[in-house]
Amino acid sequence: MARPVVFLDACVLYPPLVRGILLGGAKAGLFAPHWSPRVLEEWRIAVARNEGVEAEDSMAAAHREMAKRFPDASVVAAPDLEETLTLPDAADTHVLAAAIAAKADVLLTFNLSDFPKRRLAAHRVVPRHPDGYLWELFSAEPEMMAEAIREAAGAQEAEAIRRGLKRAKLPRLAKAWRAHAGSSPRTRGN
């Protein structure tokens, strides 16, 4: 069975914990990640605006690591494709255009209202919130996803990881993590 192709919006790349878990799941082979240069630029702008230009260095390092680990992940849509698309916010059409160019099954975003299901269905792309998508991956492959979570969270206790997941707007994943951490000998002691 082919891995699902998942296009990552800038808003899911921005939070380090969410990005780390997603890339960990992709590294484990659970899906094929994609993004575009414009999405990466939106991410860079958000980092500079919210954290200062000094933080751009760490973002640039993360981007280099992503490009190294997933060399075929960056896609560029044909220039005329974006002009044919309509979304509630015209500034988001480049995201959908790139998802179409990537032949994405899923467009992963925290901003579901910007990507109506009906409009994306015409292009066979399903908009998904990262919490639901990551919860499904965790349910299907708990050990792989637990490892991705541990790696993304760093050396933290299981309860601190759960709180971090909740703060990252991943409450379903946090509940699944709690249940797994409580039953797993590897995380119970954490």
N, C-alpha and C. Protein backbone atom coordinates (compact mmCIF):
# COMPACT_ATOMS: atom_id res chain seq x y z
N MET A 1 0.84 -1.19 0.00
CA MET A 1 0.00 0.00 0.00
C MET A 1 0.89 1.25 0.00
N ALA A 2 0.54 2.19 -0.85
CA ALA A 2 1.33 3.41 -0.97
C ALA A 2 1.13 4.29 0.26
N ARG A 3 2.21 4.98 0.63
CA ARG A 3 2.12 5.92 1.75
C ARG A 3 1.27 7.10 1.33
N PRO A 4 0.45 7.63 2.24
CA PRO A 4 -0.30 8.84 1.90
C PRO A 4 0.66 10.01 1.69
N VAL A 5 0.29 10.89 0.78
CA VAL A 5 1.06 12.10 0.52
C VAL A 5 0.39 13.21 1.31
N VAL A 6 1.15 13.88 2.16
CA VAL A 6 0.61 14.90 3.06
C VAL A 6 1.32 16.22 2.81
N PHE A 7 0.54 17.25 2.46
CA PHE A 7 1.10 18.58 2.28
C PHE A 7 0.99 19.33 3.61
N LEU A 8 2.12 19.89 4.06
CA LEU A 8 2.18 20.56 5.36
C LEU A 8 2.10 22.07 5.18
N ASP A 9 1.07 22.67 5.75
CA ASP A 9 0.90 24.12 5.73
C ASP A 9 1.91 24.74 6.70
N ALA A 10 2.20 26.01 6.53
CA ALA A 10 3.18 26.70 7.38
C ALA A 10 2.81 26.63 8.86
N CYS A 11 1.52 26.67 9.15
CA CYS A 11 1.09 26.69 10.55
C CYS A 11 1.39 25.38 11.28
N VAL A 12 1.58 24.28 10.56
CA VAL A 12 1.95 23.03 11.22
C VAL A 12 3.47 22.85 11.26
N LEU A 13 4.19 23.62 10.45
CA LEU A 13 5.65 23.59 10.49
C LEU A 13 6.20 24.52 11.56
N TYR A 14 5.47 25.58 11.87
CA TYR A 14 5.96 26.60 12.80
C TYR A 14 6.21 26.06 14.21
N PRO A 15 5.25 25.38 14.86
CA PRO A 15 5.53 24.92 16.23
C PRO A 15 6.54 23.76 16.20
N PRO A 16 7.67 23.91 16.88
CA PRO A 16 8.70 22.87 16.82
C PRO A 16 8.22 21.48 17.24
N LEU A 17 7.36 21.39 18.24
CA LEU A 17 6.89 20.09 18.69
C LEU A 17 6.04 19.43 17.61
N VAL A 18 5.10 20.17 17.04
CA VAL A 18 4.24 19.61 15.99
C VAL A 18 5.08 19.20 14.79
N ARG A 19 5.97 20.10 14.36
CA ARG A 19 6.85 19.80 13.23
C ARG A 19 7.68 18.55 13.51
N GLY A 20 8.24 18.47 14.70
CA GLY A 20 9.07 17.32 15.05
C GLY A 20 8.31 16.01 15.02
N ILE A 21 7.10 16.02 15.54
CA ILE A 21 6.29 14.79 15.53
C ILE A 21 5.94 14.41 14.10
N LEU A 22 5.52 15.39 13.31
CA LEU A 22 5.17 15.10 11.92
C LEU A 22 6.36 14.54 11.15
N LEU A 23 7.50 15.17 11.28
CA LEU A 23 8.67 14.70 10.55
C LEU A 23 9.15 13.35 11.08
N GLY A 24 8.94 13.10 12.37
CA GLY A 24 9.26 11.79 12.92
C GLY A 24 8.37 10.70 12.33
N GLY A 25 7.09 11.01 12.19
CA GLY A 25 6.18 10.05 11.56
C GLY A 25 6.53 9.82 10.10
N ALA A 26 6.91 10.89 9.42
CA ALA A 26 7.32 10.75 8.01
C ALA A 26 8.62 9.95 7.92
N LYS A 27 9.54 10.21 8.82
CA LYS A 27 10.82 9.48 8.84
C LYS A 27 10.56 7.98 9.05
N ALA A 28 9.55 7.66 9.85
CA ALA A 28 9.19 6.26 10.10
C ALA A 28 8.47 5.63 8.90
N GLY A 29 8.20 6.44 7.88
CA GLY A 29 7.57 5.91 6.67
C GLY A 29 6.06 5.88 6.70
N LEU A 30 5.44 6.60 7.66
CA LEU A 30 3.99 6.57 7.78
C LEU A 30 3.28 7.44 6.75
N PHE A 31 3.98 8.43 6.20
CA PHE A 31 3.45 9.26 5.12
C PHE A 31 4.60 9.97 4.43
N ALA A 32 4.30 10.50 3.25
CA ALA A 32 5.30 11.26 2.49
C ALA A 32 5.00 12.74 2.66
N PRO A 33 5.88 13.50 3.31
CA PRO A 33 5.62 14.92 3.55
C PRO A 33 5.99 15.79 2.34
N HIS A 34 5.22 16.87 2.17
CA HIS A 34 5.53 17.85 1.12
C HIS A 34 5.25 19.25 1.64
N TRP A 35 5.92 20.21 1.05
CA TRP A 35 5.74 21.63 1.33
C TRP A 35 6.21 22.39 0.10
N SER A 36 6.06 23.69 0.11
CA SER A 36 6.51 24.50 -1.02
C SER A 36 7.44 25.60 -0.52
N PRO A 37 8.22 26.19 -1.41
CA PRO A 37 9.06 27.32 -1.00
C PRO A 37 8.23 28.47 -0.40
N ARG A 38 7.03 28.71 -0.91
CA ARG A 38 6.20 29.79 -0.35
C ARG A 38 5.72 29.46 1.05
N VAL A 39 5.42 28.20 1.31
CA VAL A 39 5.05 27.79 2.66
C VAL A 39 6.23 27.99 3.61
N LEU A 40 7.42 27.61 3.16
CA LEU A 40 8.60 27.81 3.99
C LEU A 40 8.86 29.29 4.25
N GLU A 41 8.57 30.13 3.26
CA GLU A 41 8.74 31.57 3.44
C GLU A 41 7.72 32.11 4.45
N GLU A 42 6.48 31.62 4.41
CA GLU A 42 5.48 32.02 5.42
C GLU A 42 5.95 31.62 6.81
N TRP A 43 6.52 30.45 6.93
CA TRP A 43 7.04 29.97 8.21
C TRP A 43 8.16 30.90 8.68
N ARG A 44 9.09 31.26 7.78
CA ARG A 44 10.20 32.16 8.13
C ARG A 44 9.68 33.51 8.60
N ILE A 45 8.70 34.05 7.92
CA ILE A 45 8.13 35.34 8.28
C ILE A 45 7.48 35.27 9.66
N ALA A 46 6.75 34.20 9.93
CA ALA A 46 6.11 34.03 11.24
C ALA A 46 7.15 33.93 12.35
N VAL A 47 8.21 33.20 12.10
CA VAL A 47 9.28 33.08 13.10
C VAL A 47 9.89 34.45 13.37
N ALA A 48 10.22 35.19 12.31
CA ALA A 48 10.84 36.52 12.49
C ALA A 48 9.90 37.47 13.22
N ARG A 49 8.62 37.43 12.87
CA ARG A 49 7.63 38.32 13.50
C ARG A 49 7.43 37.98 14.98
N ASN A 50 7.33 36.71 15.30
CA ASN A 50 6.99 36.29 16.66
C ASN A 50 8.18 36.07 17.58
N GLU A 51 9.33 35.74 17.00
CA GLU A 51 10.48 35.38 17.83
C GLU A 51 11.71 36.23 17.56
N GLY A 52 11.66 37.07 16.55
CA GLY A 52 12.80 37.92 16.22
C GLY A 52 13.68 37.29 15.16
N VAL A 53 14.41 38.13 14.48
CA VAL A 53 15.23 37.65 13.37
C VAL A 53 16.32 36.68 13.84
N GLU A 54 16.72 36.75 15.11
CA GLU A 54 17.73 35.82 15.61
C GLU A 54 17.23 34.38 15.51
N ALA A 55 15.94 34.17 15.67
CA ALA A 55 15.37 32.83 15.63
C ALA A 55 15.35 32.26 14.21
N GLU A 56 15.52 33.13 13.22
CA GLU A 56 15.52 32.65 11.84
C GLU A 56 16.67 31.68 11.58
N ASP A 57 17.77 31.83 12.31
CA ASP A 57 18.90 30.90 12.12
C ASP A 57 18.51 29.47 12.46
N SER A 58 17.77 29.30 13.57
CA SER A 58 17.35 27.94 13.94
C SER A 58 16.32 27.40 12.95
N MET A 59 15.46 28.31 12.45
CA MET A 59 14.49 27.90 11.44
C MET A 59 15.20 27.48 10.16
N ALA A 60 16.21 28.23 9.76
CA ALA A 60 16.97 27.89 8.55
C ALA A 60 17.68 26.54 8.72
N ALA A 61 18.20 26.28 9.91
CA ALA A 61 18.83 24.99 10.18
C ALA A 61 17.81 23.85 10.10
N ALA A 62 16.61 24.09 10.64
CA ALA A 62 15.55 23.09 10.56
C ALA A 62 15.18 22.83 9.11
N HIS A 63 15.08 23.89 8.32
CA HIS A 63 14.75 23.73 6.91
C HIS A 63 15.82 22.93 6.17
N ARG A 64 17.09 23.22 6.44
CA ARG A 64 18.17 22.45 5.80
C ARG A 64 18.08 20.97 6.15
N GLU A 65 17.80 20.69 7.41
CA GLU A 65 17.67 19.29 7.84
C GLU A 65 16.48 18.62 7.16
N MET A 66 15.37 19.35 7.03
CA MET A 66 14.19 18.81 6.35
C MET A 66 14.52 18.50 4.89
N ALA A 67 15.21 19.42 4.21
CA ALA A 67 15.56 19.24 2.80
C ALA A 67 16.51 18.06 2.63
N LYS A 68 17.40 17.88 3.59
CA LYS A 68 18.35 16.76 3.54
C LYS A 68 17.62 15.43 3.75
N ARG A 69 16.73 15.40 4.74
CA ARG A 69 16.03 14.16 5.07
C ARG A 69 14.96 13.80 4.04
N PHE A 70 14.32 14.82 3.46
CA PHE A 70 13.24 14.61 2.49
C PHE A 70 13.53 15.42 1.22
N PRO A 71 14.48 14.98 0.42
CA PRO A 71 14.93 15.79 -0.71
C PRO A 71 13.87 16.04 -1.79
N ASP A 72 12.86 15.21 -1.86
CA ASP A 72 11.81 15.38 -2.88
C ASP A 72 10.55 16.03 -2.34
N ALA A 73 10.61 16.58 -1.13
CA ALA A 73 9.41 17.09 -0.48
C ALA A 73 8.96 18.46 -0.99
N SER A 74 9.88 19.27 -1.47
CA SER A 74 9.52 20.62 -1.90
C SER A 74 8.91 20.59 -3.30
N VAL A 75 7.75 21.23 -3.44
CA VAL A 75 7.06 21.26 -4.73
C VAL A 75 6.70 22.70 -5.08
N VAL A 76 6.62 22.95 -6.38
CA VAL A 76 6.20 24.25 -6.88
C VAL A 76 5.06 24.01 -7.87
N ALA A 77 3.96 24.69 -7.66
CA ALA A 77 2.80 24.54 -8.55
C ALA A 77 3.02 25.35 -9.83
N ALA A 78 2.40 24.90 -10.89
CA ALA A 78 2.42 25.67 -12.14
C ALA A 78 1.81 27.04 -11.87
N PRO A 79 2.40 28.10 -12.39
CA PRO A 79 1.92 29.46 -12.09
C PRO A 79 0.44 29.69 -12.39
N ASP A 80 -0.07 29.07 -13.44
CA ASP A 80 -1.47 29.32 -13.80
C ASP A 80 -2.46 28.53 -12.94
N LEU A 81 -2.01 27.51 -12.23
CA LEU A 81 -2.92 26.71 -11.40
C LEU A 81 -3.53 27.55 -10.28
N GLU A 82 -2.72 28.32 -9.61
CA GLU A 82 -3.20 29.14 -8.48
C GLU A 82 -4.34 30.07 -8.91
N GLU A 83 -4.25 30.59 -10.12
CA GLU A 83 -5.27 31.52 -10.62
C GLU A 83 -6.63 30.87 -10.80
N THR A 84 -6.67 29.54 -10.92
CA THR A 84 -7.94 28.84 -11.13
C THR A 84 -8.64 28.47 -9.83
N LEU A 85 -7.98 28.71 -8.71
CA LEU A 85 -8.50 28.25 -7.42
C LEU A 85 -9.16 29.39 -6.65
N THR A 86 -10.21 29.04 -5.91
CA THR A 86 -10.86 30.01 -5.03
C THR A 86 -10.99 29.41 -3.64
N LEU A 87 -10.61 30.20 -2.67
CA LEU A 87 -10.73 29.82 -1.26
C LEU A 87 -11.24 31.03 -0.50
N PRO A 88 -11.73 30.85 0.73
CA PRO A 88 -12.21 32.00 1.51
C PRO A 88 -11.17 33.11 1.64
N ASP A 89 -9.90 32.74 1.76
CA ASP A 89 -8.82 33.72 1.82
C ASP A 89 -7.94 33.48 0.59
N ALA A 90 -7.96 34.42 -0.34
CA ALA A 90 -7.21 34.27 -1.59
C ALA A 90 -5.72 34.07 -1.33
N ALA A 91 -5.22 34.54 -0.21
CA ALA A 91 -3.80 34.38 0.12
C ALA A 91 -3.43 32.92 0.37
N ASP A 92 -4.41 32.04 0.52
CA ASP A 92 -4.14 30.62 0.77
C ASP A 92 -4.16 29.77 -0.49
N THR A 93 -4.49 30.37 -1.64
CA THR A 93 -4.58 29.55 -2.86
C THR A 93 -3.24 28.91 -3.22
N HIS A 94 -2.13 29.56 -2.88
CA HIS A 94 -0.83 28.96 -3.19
C HIS A 94 -0.62 27.66 -2.43
N VAL A 95 -1.21 27.55 -1.24
CA VAL A 95 -1.07 26.32 -0.45
C VAL A 95 -1.82 25.18 -1.14
N LEU A 96 -3.05 25.44 -1.55
CA LEU A 96 -3.82 24.41 -2.26
C LEU A 96 -3.16 24.07 -3.58
N ALA A 97 -2.68 25.07 -4.31
CA ALA A 97 -2.03 24.81 -5.60
C ALA A 97 -0.82 23.89 -5.41
N ALA A 98 -0.03 24.13 -4.39
CA ALA A 98 1.14 23.29 -4.13
C ALA A 98 0.71 21.88 -3.69
N ALA A 99 -0.35 21.79 -2.90
CA ALA A 99 -0.85 20.47 -2.49
C ALA A 99 -1.30 19.68 -3.72
N ILE A 100 -1.96 20.35 -4.65
CA ILE A 100 -2.38 19.69 -5.89
C ILE A 100 -1.14 19.25 -6.69
N ALA A 101 -0.15 20.13 -6.80
CA ALA A 101 1.08 19.80 -7.52
C ALA A 101 1.79 18.61 -6.89
N ALA A 102 1.70 18.48 -5.58
CA ALA A 102 2.33 17.36 -4.87
C ALA A 102 1.53 16.08 -4.99
N LYS A 103 0.32 16.20 -5.57
CA LYS A 103 -0.62 15.06 -5.62
C LYS A 103 -0.94 14.57 -4.21
N ALA A 104 -1.14 15.56 -3.32
CA ALA A 104 -1.40 15.26 -1.91
C ALA A 104 -2.77 14.62 -1.71
N ASP A 105 -2.79 13.67 -0.80
CA ASP A 105 -4.05 13.09 -0.35
C ASP A 105 -4.64 13.97 0.75
N VAL A 106 -3.75 14.58 1.54
CA VAL A 106 -4.14 15.35 2.72
C VAL A 106 -3.43 16.69 2.71
N LEU A 107 -4.15 17.74 3.08
CA LEU A 107 -3.55 19.05 3.35
C LEU A 107 -3.68 19.24 4.85
N LEU A 108 -2.56 19.24 5.55
CA LEU A 108 -2.56 19.32 7.01
C LEU A 108 -2.41 20.77 7.45
N THR A 109 -3.42 21.26 8.20
CA THR A 109 -3.44 22.66 8.63
C THR A 109 -4.24 22.81 9.91
N PHE A 110 -3.86 23.80 10.71
CA PHE A 110 -4.69 24.17 11.86
C PHE A 110 -5.85 25.04 11.42
N ASN A 111 -5.79 25.59 10.21
CA ASN A 111 -6.78 26.55 9.72
C ASN A 111 -7.78 25.89 8.78
N LEU A 112 -8.56 24.97 9.29
CA LEU A 112 -9.50 24.23 8.44
C LEU A 112 -10.55 25.13 7.79
N SER A 113 -10.94 26.22 8.45
CA SER A 113 -11.95 27.09 7.85
C SER A 113 -11.45 27.77 6.58
N ASP A 114 -10.14 27.84 6.41
CA ASP A 114 -9.57 28.44 5.20
C ASP A 114 -9.55 27.47 4.02
N PHE A 115 -9.82 26.20 4.29
CA PHE A 115 -9.75 25.16 3.26
C PHE A 115 -11.01 24.29 3.29
N PRO A 116 -12.14 24.81 2.76
CA PRO A 116 -13.40 24.06 2.80
C PRO A 116 -13.29 22.70 2.11
N LYS A 117 -13.84 21.69 2.76
CA LYS A 117 -13.76 20.32 2.25
C LYS A 117 -14.28 20.21 0.82
N ARG A 118 -15.41 20.84 0.55
CA ARG A 118 -16.00 20.72 -0.79
C ARG A 118 -15.08 21.26 -1.88
N ARG A 119 -14.44 22.37 -1.60
CA ARG A 119 -13.55 22.96 -2.62
C ARG A 119 -12.31 22.10 -2.84
N LEU A 120 -11.82 21.52 -1.77
CA LEU A 120 -10.64 20.67 -1.90
C LEU A 120 -10.98 19.31 -2.50
N ALA A 121 -12.20 18.83 -2.25
CA ALA A 121 -12.62 17.52 -2.77
C ALA A 121 -12.56 17.48 -4.29
N ALA A 122 -12.82 18.60 -4.93
CA ALA A 122 -12.75 18.66 -6.39
C ALA A 122 -11.34 18.32 -6.89
N HIS A 123 -10.37 18.48 -6.01
CA HIS A 123 -8.97 18.20 -6.38
C HIS A 123 -8.44 16.95 -5.67
N ARG A 124 -9.35 16.21 -5.05
CA ARG A 124 -9.03 14.97 -4.33
C ARG A 124 -8.02 15.20 -3.20
N VAL A 125 -8.17 16.33 -2.54
CA VAL A 125 -7.33 16.66 -1.39
C VAL A 125 -8.27 16.81 -0.19
N VAL A 126 -7.90 16.20 0.92
CA VAL A 126 -8.72 16.26 2.13
C VAL A 126 -8.02 17.16 3.15
N PRO A 127 -8.70 18.23 3.60
CA PRO A 127 -8.09 19.06 4.65
C PRO A 127 -8.21 18.35 6.00
N ARG A 128 -7.13 18.34 6.76
CA ARG A 128 -7.13 17.68 8.06
C ARG A 128 -6.44 18.54 9.09
N HIS A 129 -6.94 18.45 10.32
CA HIS A 129 -6.30 19.08 11.47
C HIS A 129 -5.20 18.14 11.94
N PRO A 130 -4.05 18.65 12.35
CA PRO A 130 -2.97 17.76 12.77
C PRO A 130 -3.33 16.87 13.96
N ASP A 131 -4.19 17.34 14.85
CA ASP A 131 -4.53 16.52 16.01
C ASP A 131 -5.20 15.22 15.58
N GLY A 132 -6.20 15.31 14.75
CA GLY A 132 -6.90 14.11 14.29
C GLY A 132 -6.00 13.20 13.47
N TYR A 133 -5.22 13.81 12.60
CA TYR A 133 -4.34 13.01 11.74
C TYR A 133 -3.27 12.30 12.57
N LEU A 134 -2.62 13.01 13.47
CA LEU A 134 -1.59 12.39 14.31
C LEU A 134 -2.19 11.34 15.25
N TRP A 135 -3.40 11.59 15.73
CA TRP A 135 -4.07 10.60 16.57
C TRP A 135 -4.30 9.31 15.78
N GLU A 136 -4.72 9.45 14.52
CA GLU A 136 -4.93 8.25 13.69
C GLU A 136 -3.61 7.51 13.46
N LEU A 137 -2.54 8.25 13.19
CA LEU A 137 -1.25 7.60 13.02
C LEU A 137 -0.83 6.89 14.30
N PHE A 138 -1.04 7.54 15.44
CA PHE A 138 -0.69 6.96 16.74
C PHE A 138 -1.51 5.70 16.99
N SER A 139 -2.80 5.74 16.65
CA SER A 139 -3.66 4.57 16.85
C SER A 139 -3.21 3.40 15.99
N ALA A 140 -2.75 3.68 14.76
CA ALA A 140 -2.32 2.63 13.85
C ALA A 140 -0.92 2.12 14.17
N GLU A 141 -0.04 3.01 14.58
CA GLU A 141 1.36 2.66 14.82
C GLU A 141 1.85 3.30 16.12
N PRO A 142 1.36 2.81 17.28
CA PRO A 142 1.68 3.47 18.54
C PRO A 142 3.16 3.53 18.88
N GLU A 143 3.90 2.47 18.61
CA GLU A 143 5.32 2.50 18.98
C GLU A 143 6.10 3.48 18.12
N MET A 144 5.83 3.47 16.81
CA MET A 144 6.53 4.41 15.92
C MET A 144 6.22 5.86 16.29
N MET A 145 4.95 6.12 16.54
CA MET A 145 4.56 7.49 16.86
C MET A 145 5.02 7.89 18.26
N ALA A 146 5.04 6.95 19.20
CA ALA A 146 5.55 7.27 20.53
C ALA A 146 7.02 7.66 20.44
N GLU A 147 7.76 6.96 19.60
CA GLU A 147 9.17 7.30 19.39
C GLU A 147 9.30 8.69 18.76
N ALA A 148 8.45 9.00 17.79
CA ALA A 148 8.48 10.33 17.16
C ALA A 148 8.16 11.42 18.18
N ILE A 149 7.21 11.15 19.07
CA ILE A 149 6.85 12.12 20.11
C ILE A 149 7.99 12.31 21.08
N ARG A 150 8.57 11.19 21.55
CA ARG A 150 9.69 11.29 22.49
C ARG A 150 10.86 12.07 21.87
N GLU A 151 11.16 11.77 20.63
CA GLU A 151 12.28 12.46 19.96
C GLU A 151 11.98 13.96 19.80
N ALA A 152 10.76 14.29 19.42
CA ALA A 152 10.40 15.70 19.22
C ALA A 152 10.36 16.47 20.54
N ALA A 153 9.94 15.80 21.61
CA ALA A 153 9.78 16.46 22.91
C ALA A 153 11.09 16.56 23.69
N GLY A 154 12.05 15.77 23.32
CA GLY A 154 13.32 15.80 24.05
C GLY A 154 13.22 15.04 25.36
N ALA A 155 14.16 15.28 26.23
CA ALA A 155 14.22 14.56 27.50
C ALA A 155 13.26 15.16 28.51
N GLN A 156 11.99 14.77 28.37
CA GLN A 156 10.96 15.24 29.30
C GLN A 156 10.24 14.03 29.89
N GLU A 157 9.65 14.22 31.04
CA GLU A 157 8.83 13.17 31.63
C GLU A 157 7.54 13.04 30.82
N ALA A 158 6.91 11.88 30.91
CA ALA A 158 5.70 11.59 30.14
C ALA A 158 4.61 12.63 30.38
N GLU A 159 4.42 13.06 31.62
CA GLU A 159 3.37 14.04 31.91
C GLU A 159 3.70 15.40 31.31
N ALA A 160 4.96 15.78 31.31
CA ALA A 160 5.35 17.05 30.69
C ALA A 160 5.13 16.99 29.19
N ILE A 161 5.37 15.85 28.58
CA ILE A 161 5.10 15.68 27.15
C ILE A 161 3.61 15.82 26.89
N ARG A 162 2.78 15.19 27.73
CA ARG A 162 1.32 15.29 27.55
C ARG A 162 0.87 16.75 27.61
N ARG A 163 1.38 17.51 28.59
CA ARG A 163 1.02 18.92 28.70
C ARG A 163 1.48 19.70 27.47
N GLY A 164 2.67 19.39 26.98
CA GLY A 164 3.17 20.05 25.78
C GLY A 164 2.31 19.77 24.57
N LEU A 165 1.83 18.55 24.45
CA LEU A 165 0.93 18.19 23.35
C LEU A 165 -0.37 18.98 23.43
N LYS A 166 -0.91 19.12 24.64
CA LYS A 166 -2.13 19.90 24.81
C LYS A 166 -1.90 21.37 24.44
N ARG A 167 -0.78 21.94 24.89
CA ARG A 167 -0.47 23.34 24.55
C ARG A 167 -0.29 23.52 23.05
N ALA A 168 0.16 22.48 22.38
CA ALA A 168 0.39 22.53 20.93
C ALA A 168 -0.90 22.29 20.14
N LYS A 169 -2.03 22.30 20.82
CA LYS A 169 -3.35 22.09 20.20
C LYS A 169 -3.51 20.68 19.63
N LEU A 170 -2.98 19.72 20.38
CA LEU A 170 -3.09 18.31 20.02
C LEU A 170 -3.71 17.52 21.18
N PRO A 171 -4.95 17.86 21.60
CA PRO A 171 -5.53 17.22 22.79
C PRO A 171 -5.83 15.73 22.61
N ARG A 172 -6.27 15.29 21.43
CA ARG A 172 -6.54 13.86 21.24
C ARG A 172 -5.24 13.07 21.28
N LEU A 173 -4.21 13.62 20.67
CA LEU A 173 -2.91 12.95 20.71
C LEU A 173 -2.39 12.91 22.15
N ALA A 174 -2.63 13.98 22.91
CA ALA A 174 -2.21 14.01 24.31
C ALA A 174 -2.87 12.89 25.11
N LYS A 175 -4.17 12.65 24.87
CA LYS A 175 -4.88 11.57 25.57
C LYS A 175 -4.32 10.21 25.17
N ALA A 176 -4.07 10.03 23.89
CA ALA A 176 -3.51 8.76 23.42
C ALA A 176 -2.11 8.55 24.01
N TRP A 177 -1.33 9.63 24.05
CA TRP A 177 0.01 9.55 24.65
C TRP A 177 -0.08 9.15 26.12
N ARG A 178 -1.01 9.78 26.85
CA ARG A 178 -1.15 9.47 28.28
C ARG A 178 -1.47 8.00 28.48
N ALA A 179 -2.41 7.47 27.70
CA ALA A 179 -2.77 6.06 27.83
C ALA A 179 -1.58 5.17 27.49
N HIS A 180 -0.86 5.53 26.45
CA HIS A 180 0.30 4.73 26.03
C HIS A 180 1.42 4.82 27.07
N ALA A 181 1.70 6.01 27.53
CA ALA A 181 2.77 6.21 28.50
C ALA A 181 2.47 5.49 29.80
N GLY A 182 1.20 5.42 30.17
CA GLY A 182 0.81 4.72 31.39
C GLY A 182 0.93 3.22 31.29
N SER A 183 0.89 2.69 30.05
CA SER A 183 0.94 1.24 29.87
C SER A 183 2.27 0.74 29.34
N SER A 184 3.13 1.65 28.90
CA SER A 184 4.39 1.25 28.28
C SER A 184 5.51 1.24 29.32
N PRO A 185 6.22 0.12 29.43
CA PRO A 185 7.33 0.08 30.40
C PRO A 185 8.41 1.13 30.07
N ARG A 186 8.58 1.47 28.79
CA ARG A 186 9.61 2.42 28.40
C ARG A 186 9.28 3.82 28.89
N THR A 187 7.99 4.20 28.90
CA THR A 187 7.65 5.56 29.30
C THR A 187 7.09 5.65 30.71
N ARG A 188 6.69 4.54 31.31
CA ARG A 188 6.07 4.60 32.63
C ARG A 188 7.00 5.24 33.66
N GLY A 189 8.27 4.94 33.55
CA GLY A 189 9.23 5.49 34.51
C GLY A 189 9.58 6.93 34.26
N ASN A 190 9.22 7.46 33.11
CA ASN A 190 9.55 8.86 32.78
C ASN A 190 8.71 9.83 33.53
